[in-house]
Amino acid sequence: MSNVKHAQYRGGLMLGIFSRFRKGKEKEKKANVQPVQQKSELEKLCGDDKETYEALLNTMFLDQRKTGTTMKEAAENAKKFEKAKDFVRAKVWYEIAGGLAIYEGDVKRVVEFFSSAEKLSPNARYTILKNPEKAIAKAQEYYKKHLVQATESS
């Protein structure tokens, strides 16, 4: 008994060894539990249409009022930075202008701004350019549902 460290004896059983096995089973049970991922409102709205969801995921603003700028100002800034050969900032401003155009439902401007951003960064691909009409229609549904609720509760 003296050579076994930290083991407890109760009724002739060595609990230290057996408790190790029990802990392993508890860890297995915890590892098998899958966390439930809740879908975002945008995912729910797009449903099984993954292409539209991907198109809007990184391009639309959930609340455009928080940008602090207008589409016109963003487009002017983008053109200004593009002329100054600051292509990174120009790309960012084109993306902002494109996001604001999504909010306004202006398909032509969405294509214009995201095409310009894509030209400035050849590695960037904007899936919204594949089917902008469909993506903007889903975005408009989102805005009608969520921004109207937000303004009513304010």
Protein backbone atom coordinates (compact mmCIF):
# COMPACT_ATOMS: atom_id res chain seq x y z
CA MET A 1 0.00 0.00 0.00
CA SER A 2 2.78 2.41 0.77
CA ASN A 3 4.38 2.20 -2.67
CA VAL A 4 1.19 3.27 -4.53
CA LYS A 5 1.01 7.04 -4.43
CA HIS A 6 -2.26 8.97 -4.24
CA ALA A 7 -4.43 5.88 -4.48
CA GLN A 8 -7.37 5.48 -2.17
CA TYR A 9 -8.46 2.12 -0.89
CA ARG A 10 -12.06 1.49 -0.09
CA GLY A 11 -13.38 -1.99 0.46
CA GLY A 12 -10.30 -3.56 -1.12
CA LEU A 13 -10.60 -1.62 -4.43
CA MET A 14 -8.06 0.84 -5.63
CA LEU A 15 -10.19 3.79 -6.80
CA GLY A 16 -7.35 5.76 -8.38
CA ILE A 17 -6.90 3.32 -11.24
CA PHE A 18 -10.60 2.78 -11.92
CA SER A 19 -11.43 6.45 -11.83
CA ARG A 20 -9.02 7.01 -14.70
CA PHE A 21 -11.06 4.68 -16.89
CA ARG A 22 -14.26 6.39 -15.86
CA LYS A 23 -12.88 9.81 -16.84
CA GLY A 24 -12.02 8.47 -20.28
CA LYS A 25 -15.63 7.42 -20.85
CA GLU A 26 -16.88 10.81 -19.71
CA LYS A 27 -14.56 12.51 -22.19
CA GLU A 28 -15.83 10.24 -24.96
CA LYS A 29 -19.42 11.16 -24.14
CA LYS A 30 -18.59 14.86 -24.22
CA ALA A 31 -16.70 14.51 -27.51
CA ASN A 32 -19.67 12.81 -29.19
CA VAL A 33 -22.03 15.68 -28.42
CA GLN A 34 -22.37 17.80 -31.55
CA PRO A 35 -22.95 21.52 -31.01
CA VAL A 36 -26.13 22.69 -32.67
CA GLN A 37 -25.39 25.48 -35.10
CA GLN A 38 -28.13 28.01 -35.47
CA LYS A 39 -28.66 29.43 -38.91
CA SER A 40 -28.35 33.14 -39.42
CA GLU A 41 -31.32 35.09 -40.72
CA LEU A 42 -29.61 35.36 -44.10
CA GLU A 43 -29.10 31.57 -44.24
CA LYS A 44 -32.75 31.01 -43.37
CA LEU A 45 -33.85 33.46 -46.05
CA CYS A 46 -31.67 31.89 -48.75
CA GLY A 47 -32.62 28.34 -47.74
CA ASP A 48 -30.92 25.74 -49.94
CA ASP A 49 -29.66 28.37 -52.39
CA LYS A 50 -26.00 28.31 -51.30
CA GLU A 51 -24.85 30.37 -54.30
CA THR A 52 -27.05 33.33 -53.38
CA TYR A 53 -26.06 33.01 -49.73
CA GLU A 54 -22.35 33.03 -50.66
CA ALA A 55 -22.93 35.98 -52.98
CA LEU A 56 -24.44 38.06 -50.18
CA LEU A 57 -22.37 36.80 -47.25
CA ASN A 58 -19.40 39.13 -47.73
CA THR A 59 -20.95 41.82 -49.89
CA MET A 60 -24.14 43.10 -48.27
CA PHE A 61 -24.46 45.28 -45.20
CA LEU A 62 -26.87 44.02 -42.58
CA ASP A 63 -27.59 47.63 -41.61
CA GLN A 64 -26.29 50.16 -44.12
CA ARG A 65 -27.03 53.06 -41.75
CA LYS A 66 -23.95 52.10 -39.75
CA THR A 67 -21.57 52.74 -42.66
CA GLY A 68 -21.73 56.50 -42.17
CA THR A 69 -21.49 57.21 -45.89
CA THR A 70 -23.61 57.25 -49.02
CA MET A 71 -23.20 55.22 -52.17
CA LYS A 72 -22.25 58.38 -54.08
CA GLU A 73 -19.53 59.31 -51.55
CA ALA A 74 -18.16 55.76 -51.54
CA ALA A 75 -17.99 55.70 -55.35
CA GLU A 76 -16.22 59.09 -55.40
CA ASN A 77 -13.70 57.88 -52.82
CA ALA A 78 -13.07 54.70 -54.82
CA LYS A 79 -12.40 56.67 -58.01
CA LYS A 80 -10.18 59.13 -56.14
CA PHE A 81 -8.03 56.35 -54.67
CA GLU A 82 -7.91 54.53 -57.99
CA LYS A 83 -6.55 57.66 -59.71
CA ALA A 84 -3.99 58.00 -56.91
CA LYS A 85 -2.90 54.38 -57.62
CA ASP A 86 -3.93 53.32 -54.10
CA PHE A 87 -5.65 50.18 -55.33
CA VAL A 88 -6.24 48.58 -51.94
CA ARG A 89 -8.24 51.53 -50.65
CA ALA A 90 -9.99 51.91 -53.99
CA LYS A 91 -11.08 48.25 -53.84
CA VAL A 92 -12.42 48.69 -50.30
CA TRP A 93 -14.42 51.78 -51.33
CA TYR A 94 -15.82 49.96 -54.38
CA GLU A 95 -16.93 47.15 -52.07
CA ILE A 96 -18.62 49.67 -49.77
CA ALA A 97 -20.32 51.34 -52.73
CA GLY A 98 -21.42 47.91 -53.98
CA GLY A 99 -22.84 47.00 -50.59
CA LEU A 100 -24.80 50.23 -50.51
CA ALA A 101 -26.03 49.58 -54.06
CA ILE A 102 -27.31 46.20 -52.88
CA TYR A 103 -29.30 48.00 -50.20
CA GLU A 104 -30.74 50.41 -52.76
CA GLY A 105 -31.57 47.51 -55.08
CA ASP A 106 -29.57 49.00 -57.98
CA VAL A 107 -28.41 45.99 -60.03
CA LYS A 108 -26.51 48.10 -62.56
CA ARG A 109 -24.45 49.84 -59.87
CA VAL A 110 -23.81 46.57 -58.00
CA VAL A 111 -22.32 45.07 -61.16
CA GLU A 112 -20.35 48.26 -61.86
CA PHE A 113 -18.83 48.54 -58.37
CA PHE A 114 -18.02 44.89 -57.78
CA SER A 115 -16.60 44.53 -61.31
CA SER A 116 -14.32 47.50 -60.60
CA ALA A 117 -13.24 45.96 -57.29
CA GLU A 118 -12.53 42.66 -59.04
CA LYS A 119 -10.38 44.39 -61.67
CA LEU A 120 -8.29 46.02 -58.96
CA SER A 121 -7.69 42.71 -57.22
CA PRO A 122 -7.43 39.89 -59.77
CA ASN A 123 -7.48 37.21 -57.06
CA ALA A 124 -10.82 38.44 -55.70
CA ARG A 125 -13.97 36.81 -57.04
CA TYR A 126 -17.40 38.21 -56.29
CA THR A 127 -20.05 35.55 -56.74
CA ILE A 128 -22.71 38.25 -56.70
CA LEU A 129 -21.66 39.04 -60.28
CA LYS A 130 -22.94 35.62 -61.45
CA ASN A 131 -26.59 36.38 -60.72
CA PRO A 132 -26.94 39.88 -59.22
CA GLU A 133 -30.70 40.14 -59.78
CA LYS A 134 -31.45 37.07 -57.67
CA ALA A 135 -29.01 38.08 -54.91
CA ILE A 136 -30.39 41.61 -54.73
CA ALA A 137 -33.96 40.30 -54.57
CA LYS A 138 -33.01 38.18 -51.53
CA ALA A 139 -31.20 41.12 -49.95
CA GLN A 140 -34.29 43.29 -50.41
CA GLU A 141 -36.40 40.64 -48.66
CA TYR A 142 -33.92 40.69 -45.78
CA TYR A 143 -33.99 44.48 -45.53
CA LYS A 144 -37.79 44.66 -45.64
CA LYS A 145 -38.06 42.13 -42.86
CA HIS A 146 -35.24 43.19 -40.55
CA LEU A 147 -34.70 46.90 -41.04
CA VAL A 148 -38.41 47.65 -40.76
CA GLN A 149 -38.49 45.71 -37.46
CA ALA A 150 -35.39 47.55 -36.24
CA THR A 151 -36.85 50.99 -36.96
CA GLU A 152 -40.19 50.07 -35.36
CA SER A 153 -38.52 48.92 -32.14
CA SER A 154 -36.26 52.00 -31.92
